Amino acid sequence: MSKKRFVIKFEDNNRKLPIEAEPNSIIDLVKNNKVKQRRIFDENGKVIKDIDTSNHNQPKFHPMGAHKHVYNFNNYGHPHGKSEELTDEEIAQNKDIIFEEINYNYLNEDIE
């Protein structure tokens, strides 16, 4: 599925991305010409997922580096889900901003 993309520049005092946007769109938050966060919206224009491209200088909480947050609006107190490791499909879909061993470390314990 093709998604329409938008860019919001962090430098323009935009530090947060909207919760609602054009249906089936993607918005990138850019700082110093690098995507800090990618927000993905569903067919109704509601955010479904964030892809963060760093550990936010908090390796204890994000040891994998780049990670995702899946939104759950049934969790009224905090719909922005906990950080999760990216799937192989998500890495492939976001290969323009996710680079293994640069901003992402694969953590699957099953690999020896």
N, C-alpha and C. Protein backbone atom coordinates (compact mmCIF):
# COMPACT_ATOMS: atom_id res chain seq x y z
N MET A 1 0.84 -1.18 0.00
CA MET A 1 0.00 0.00 0.00
C MET A 1 0.89 1.25 0.00
N SER A 2 0.59 2.14 -0.89
CA SER A 2 1.32 3.39 -0.98
C SER A 2 0.75 4.38 0.04
N LYS A 3 1.62 5.04 0.76
CA LYS A 3 1.19 6.01 1.75
C LYS A 3 1.74 7.38 1.41
N LYS A 4 0.94 8.40 1.62
CA LYS A 4 1.37 9.76 1.38
C LYS A 4 2.28 10.18 2.54
N ARG A 5 3.38 10.85 2.22
CA ARG A 5 4.35 11.24 3.24
C ARG A 5 4.41 12.74 3.41
N PHE A 6 4.62 13.14 4.66
CA PHE A 6 4.79 14.54 5.02
C PHE A 6 6.02 14.66 5.90
N VAL A 7 6.62 15.83 5.95
CA VAL A 7 7.78 16.08 6.80
C VAL A 7 7.48 17.28 7.69
N ILE A 8 7.75 17.13 8.97
CA ILE A 8 7.68 18.24 9.92
C ILE A 8 9.09 18.44 10.46
N LYS A 9 9.57 19.66 10.38
CA LYS A 9 10.94 19.93 10.84
C LYS A 9 10.96 20.32 12.30
N PHE A 10 11.77 19.61 13.06
CA PHE A 10 11.98 19.86 14.48
C PHE A 10 12.47 21.28 14.70
N GLU A 11 13.30 21.76 13.77
CA GLU A 11 13.90 23.08 13.88
C GLU A 11 12.86 24.19 13.88
N ASP A 12 11.68 23.93 13.35
CA ASP A 12 10.62 24.93 13.29
C ASP A 12 9.77 24.92 14.56
N ASN A 13 10.36 24.48 15.68
CA ASN A 13 9.68 24.39 16.97
C ASN A 13 8.55 23.37 16.99
N ASN A 14 8.54 22.47 16.04
CA ASN A 14 7.60 21.36 16.05
C ASN A 14 8.28 20.18 16.72
N ARG A 15 7.94 19.91 17.95
CA ARG A 15 8.59 18.84 18.68
C ARG A 15 7.69 17.62 18.83
N LYS A 16 6.44 17.74 18.39
CA LYS A 16 5.50 16.63 18.51
C LYS A 16 4.76 16.47 17.19
N LEU A 17 4.42 15.25 16.91
CA LEU A 17 3.64 14.95 15.72
C LEU A 17 2.17 14.82 16.10
N PRO A 18 1.27 15.09 15.17
CA PRO A 18 -0.16 15.03 15.48
C PRO A 18 -0.64 13.60 15.71
N ILE A 19 -1.72 13.46 16.45
CA ILE A 19 -2.35 12.16 16.71
C ILE A 19 -3.24 11.76 15.53
N GLU A 20 -3.76 12.76 14.82
CA GLU A 20 -4.60 12.51 13.65
C GLU A 20 -4.02 13.24 12.45
N ALA A 21 -4.15 12.63 11.28
CA ALA A 21 -3.63 13.22 10.05
C ALA A 21 -4.41 12.65 8.87
N GLU A 22 -3.94 12.93 7.70
CA GLU A 22 -4.59 12.40 6.50
C GLU A 22 -4.58 10.87 6.56
N PRO A 23 -5.69 10.23 6.22
CA PRO A 23 -5.74 8.76 6.26
C PRO A 23 -4.61 8.13 5.43
N ASN A 24 -4.09 7.01 5.93
CA ASN A 24 -3.03 6.24 5.27
C ASN A 24 -1.80 7.08 4.95
N SER A 25 -1.44 7.95 5.88
CA SER A 25 -0.27 8.80 5.65
C SER A 25 0.84 8.46 6.63
N ILE A 26 2.01 9.02 6.37
CA ILE A 26 3.18 8.90 7.23
C ILE A 26 3.73 10.30 7.40
N ILE A 27 4.08 10.65 8.65
CA ILE A 27 4.71 11.94 8.90
C ILE A 27 6.05 11.68 9.57
N ASP A 28 7.10 12.30 9.05
CA ASP A 28 8.44 12.20 9.63
C ASP A 28 8.76 13.49 10.38
N LEU A 29 9.28 13.34 11.59
CA LEU A 29 9.80 14.47 12.36
C LEU A 29 11.30 14.50 12.11
N VAL A 30 11.78 15.61 11.55
CA VAL A 30 13.16 15.71 11.09
C VAL A 30 13.91 16.76 11.90
N LYS A 31 15.11 16.40 12.32
CA LYS A 31 16.02 17.33 13.00
C LYS A 31 17.40 17.17 12.38
N ASN A 32 18.00 18.27 11.98
CA ASN A 32 19.32 18.26 11.34
C ASN A 32 19.34 17.31 10.14
N ASN A 33 18.29 17.36 9.34
CA ASN A 33 18.16 16.54 8.13
C ASN A 33 18.11 15.04 8.38
N LYS A 34 17.80 14.63 9.61
CA LYS A 34 17.67 13.21 9.93
C LYS A 34 16.30 12.96 10.55
N VAL A 35 15.68 11.86 10.17
CA VAL A 35 14.38 11.51 10.74
C VAL A 35 14.57 11.03 12.17
N LYS A 36 13.95 11.73 13.11
CA LYS A 36 13.98 11.33 14.52
C LYS A 36 12.85 10.36 14.83
N GLN A 37 11.71 10.62 14.19
CA GLN A 37 10.53 9.80 14.47
C GLN A 37 9.65 9.75 13.23
N ARG A 38 9.09 8.59 12.99
CA ARG A 38 8.15 8.39 11.89
C ARG A 38 6.82 7.95 12.51
N ARG A 39 5.76 8.65 12.16
CA ARG A 39 4.43 8.31 12.68
C ARG A 39 3.59 7.79 11.52
N ILE A 40 2.92 6.66 11.74
CA ILE A 40 2.13 5.99 10.70
C ILE A 40 0.66 6.04 11.11
N PHE A 41 -0.18 6.41 10.14
CA PHE A 41 -1.61 6.59 10.38
C PHE A 41 -2.43 5.55 9.61
N ASP A 42 -3.58 5.19 10.17
CA ASP A 42 -4.44 4.18 9.56
C ASP A 42 -5.41 4.79 8.55
N GLU A 43 -6.33 3.96 8.06
CA GLU A 43 -7.29 4.39 7.04
C GLU A 43 -8.27 5.44 7.54
N ASN A 44 -8.34 5.63 8.87
CA ASN A 44 -9.19 6.67 9.45
C ASN A 44 -8.42 7.92 9.84
N GLY A 45 -7.11 7.91 9.60
CA GLY A 45 -6.28 9.06 9.94
C GLY A 45 -5.84 9.11 11.38
N LYS A 46 -5.97 8.00 12.11
CA LYS A 46 -5.56 7.93 13.51
C LYS A 46 -4.19 7.25 13.60
N VAL A 47 -3.35 7.76 14.47
CA VAL A 47 -2.00 7.20 14.61
C VAL A 47 -2.10 5.73 15.07
N ILE A 48 -1.26 4.89 14.44
CA ILE A 48 -1.21 3.49 14.87
C ILE A 48 0.16 3.10 15.40
N LYS A 49 1.21 3.82 14.95
CA LYS A 49 2.55 3.39 15.34
C LYS A 49 3.55 4.52 15.16
N ASP A 50 4.52 4.57 16.07
CA ASP A 50 5.69 5.44 15.93
C ASP A 50 6.91 4.57 15.73
N ILE A 51 7.77 4.98 14.83
CA ILE A 51 9.09 4.37 14.68
C ILE A 51 10.09 5.43 15.13
N ASP A 52 10.78 5.17 16.23
CA ASP A 52 11.81 6.09 16.73
C ASP A 52 13.16 5.59 16.26
N THR A 53 14.00 6.49 15.77
CA THR A 53 15.26 6.08 15.15
C THR A 53 16.44 6.08 16.10
N SER A 54 16.20 6.26 17.40
CA SER A 54 17.31 6.22 18.36
C SER A 54 16.80 5.68 19.69
N ASN A 55 17.70 5.62 20.64
CA ASN A 55 17.32 5.19 21.99
C ASN A 55 17.01 6.39 22.89
N HIS A 56 16.97 7.59 22.33
CA HIS A 56 16.67 8.84 23.06
C HIS A 56 17.66 9.05 24.21
N ASN A 57 18.88 8.58 24.04
CA ASN A 57 19.90 8.63 25.09
C ASN A 57 19.44 7.92 26.36
N GLN A 58 18.62 6.89 26.19
CA GLN A 58 18.15 6.07 27.30
C GLN A 58 18.32 4.59 26.96
N PRO A 59 19.58 4.12 26.86
CA PRO A 59 19.81 2.72 26.46
C PRO A 59 19.21 1.70 27.42
N LYS A 60 18.99 2.06 28.66
CA LYS A 60 18.37 1.14 29.63
C LYS A 60 16.96 0.77 29.18
N PHE A 61 16.23 1.74 28.63
CA PHE A 61 14.85 1.52 28.21
C PHE A 61 14.73 1.11 26.75
N HIS A 62 15.75 1.44 25.96
CA HIS A 62 15.73 1.14 24.52
C HIS A 62 17.08 0.55 24.09
N PRO A 63 17.46 -0.63 24.62
CA PRO A 63 18.77 -1.18 24.30
C PRO A 63 18.95 -1.52 22.83
N MET A 64 17.85 -1.66 22.11
CA MET A 64 17.91 -2.00 20.69
C MET A 64 18.19 -0.78 19.82
N GLY A 65 18.16 0.40 20.40
CA GLY A 65 18.30 1.63 19.61
C GLY A 65 16.96 1.97 18.99
N ALA A 66 16.91 1.97 17.67
CA ALA A 66 15.64 2.24 16.98
C ALA A 66 14.59 1.24 17.45
N HIS A 67 13.36 1.71 17.61
CA HIS A 67 12.29 0.88 18.16
C HIS A 67 10.94 1.44 17.74
N LYS A 68 9.88 0.75 18.17
CA LYS A 68 8.53 1.21 17.83
C LYS A 68 7.69 1.34 19.09
N HIS A 69 6.62 2.12 18.96
CA HIS A 69 5.58 2.23 19.96
C HIS A 69 4.26 2.04 19.22
N VAL A 70 3.50 1.05 19.60
CA VAL A 70 2.20 0.79 18.98
C VAL A 70 1.13 1.43 19.86
N TYR A 71 0.27 2.22 19.24
CA TYR A 71 -0.77 2.93 19.98
C TYR A 71 -1.95 2.02 20.29
N ASN A 72 -2.49 2.20 21.50
CA ASN A 72 -3.68 1.49 21.93
C ASN A 72 -4.58 2.51 22.62
N PHE A 73 -5.59 2.99 21.90
CA PHE A 73 -6.45 4.03 22.44
C PHE A 73 -7.45 3.50 23.46
N ASN A 74 -7.46 2.20 23.70
CA ASN A 74 -8.26 1.64 24.79
C ASN A 74 -7.54 1.81 26.13
N ASN A 75 -6.25 2.12 26.07
CA ASN A 75 -5.47 2.40 27.28
C ASN A 75 -5.54 3.91 27.49
N TYR A 76 -6.60 4.37 28.13
CA TYR A 76 -6.91 5.79 28.23
C TYR A 76 -5.82 6.61 28.90
N GLY A 77 -5.15 6.05 29.86
CA GLY A 77 -4.13 6.80 30.58
C GLY A 77 -2.88 7.07 29.76
N HIS A 78 -2.55 6.13 28.89
CA HIS A 78 -1.31 6.28 28.13
C HIS A 78 -1.39 5.44 26.85
N PRO A 79 -1.99 5.97 25.79
CA PRO A 79 -2.16 5.18 24.57
C PRO A 79 -0.85 4.87 23.84
N HIS A 80 0.18 5.67 24.10
CA HIS A 80 1.49 5.47 23.47
C HIS A 80 2.13 4.26 24.11
N GLY A 81 2.14 3.14 23.42
CA GLY A 81 2.60 1.88 23.98
C GLY A 81 4.07 1.88 24.37
N LYS A 82 4.45 0.85 25.10
CA LYS A 82 5.85 0.68 25.52
C LYS A 82 6.71 0.40 24.30
N SER A 83 7.99 0.64 24.45
CA SER A 83 8.90 0.40 23.33
C SER A 83 8.98 -1.09 23.03
N GLU A 84 9.03 -1.39 21.74
CA GLU A 84 9.11 -2.77 21.27
C GLU A 84 10.16 -2.86 20.18
N GLU A 85 10.73 -4.03 20.06
CA GLU A 85 11.68 -4.29 18.98
C GLU A 85 10.95 -4.29 17.64
N LEU A 86 11.62 -3.81 16.62
CA LEU A 86 11.06 -3.80 15.27
C LEU A 86 11.07 -5.20 14.68
N THR A 87 10.06 -5.51 13.88
CA THR A 87 10.04 -6.79 13.17
C THR A 87 10.90 -6.67 11.92
N ASP A 88 11.24 -7.80 11.33
CA ASP A 88 12.00 -7.78 10.07
C ASP A 88 11.24 -7.00 9.00
N GLU A 89 9.92 -7.16 8.96
CA GLU A 89 9.11 -6.45 7.97
C GLU A 89 9.17 -4.94 8.21
N GLU A 90 9.11 -4.51 9.46
CA GLU A 90 9.17 -3.07 9.77
C GLU A 90 10.54 -2.50 9.43
N ILE A 91 11.59 -3.28 9.66
CA ILE A 91 12.93 -2.82 9.28
C ILE A 91 13.01 -2.64 7.77
N ALA A 92 12.49 -3.61 7.03
CA ALA A 92 12.49 -3.51 5.56
C ALA A 92 11.66 -2.33 5.08
N GLN A 93 10.50 -2.11 5.70
CA GLN A 93 9.63 -1.00 5.30
C GLN A 93 10.24 0.36 5.61
N ASN A 94 11.15 0.41 6.57
CA ASN A 94 11.75 1.67 7.00
C ASN A 94 13.25 1.69 6.78
N LYS A 95 13.70 1.02 5.73
CA LYS A 95 15.14 0.89 5.47
C LYS A 95 15.82 2.23 5.16
N ASP A 96 15.02 3.25 4.88
CA ASP A 96 15.60 4.57 4.66
C ASP A 96 16.00 5.26 5.96
N ILE A 97 15.52 4.76 7.12
CA ILE A 97 15.86 5.39 8.40
C ILE A 97 16.39 4.41 9.44
N ILE A 98 16.32 3.10 9.19
CA ILE A 98 16.78 2.08 10.14
C ILE A 98 18.00 1.38 9.54
N PHE A 99 19.12 1.44 10.27
CA PHE A 99 20.38 0.87 9.78
C PHE A 99 20.97 -0.02 10.85
N GLU A 100 20.99 -1.33 10.57
CA GLU A 100 21.51 -2.29 11.54
C GLU A 100 22.95 -1.95 11.90
N GLU A 101 23.23 -2.04 13.19
CA GLU A 101 24.54 -1.76 13.79
C GLU A 101 24.91 -0.28 13.76
N ILE A 102 24.05 0.58 13.24
CA ILE A 102 24.28 2.02 13.29
C ILE A 102 23.29 2.64 14.27
N ASN A 103 21.99 2.48 14.01
CA ASN A 103 21.00 2.99 14.97
C ASN A 103 20.05 1.89 15.44
N TYR A 104 20.36 0.65 15.08
CA TYR A 104 19.52 -0.47 15.49
C TYR A 104 20.38 -1.70 15.76
N ASN A 105 20.10 -2.35 16.88
CA ASN A 105 20.79 -3.59 17.26
C ASN A 105 19.75 -4.69 17.44
N TYR A 106 19.91 -5.77 16.71
CA TYR A 106 18.99 -6.89 16.79
C TYR A 106 19.17 -7.59 18.14
N LEU A 107 18.09 -7.77 18.90
CA LEU A 107 18.20 -8.30 20.27
C LEU A 107 17.65 -9.70 20.46
N ASN A 108 17.18 -10.35 19.44
CA ASN A 108 16.55 -11.65 19.59
C ASN A 108 17.51 -12.63 20.27
N GLU A 109 17.12 -13.08 21.47
CA GLU A 109 17.98 -13.99 22.24
C GLU A 109 18.11 -15.36 21.63
N ASP A 110 17.23 -15.72 20.67
CA ASP A 110 17.29 -17.04 20.06
C ASP A 110 18.48 -17.21 19.13
N ILE A 111 19.10 -16.12 18.74
CA ILE A 111 20.25 -16.18 17.82
C ILE A 111 21.51 -16.37 18.66
N GLU A 112 22.32 -17.32 18.26
CA GLU A 112 23.57 -17.58 18.99
C GLU A 112 24.75 -17.06 18.24
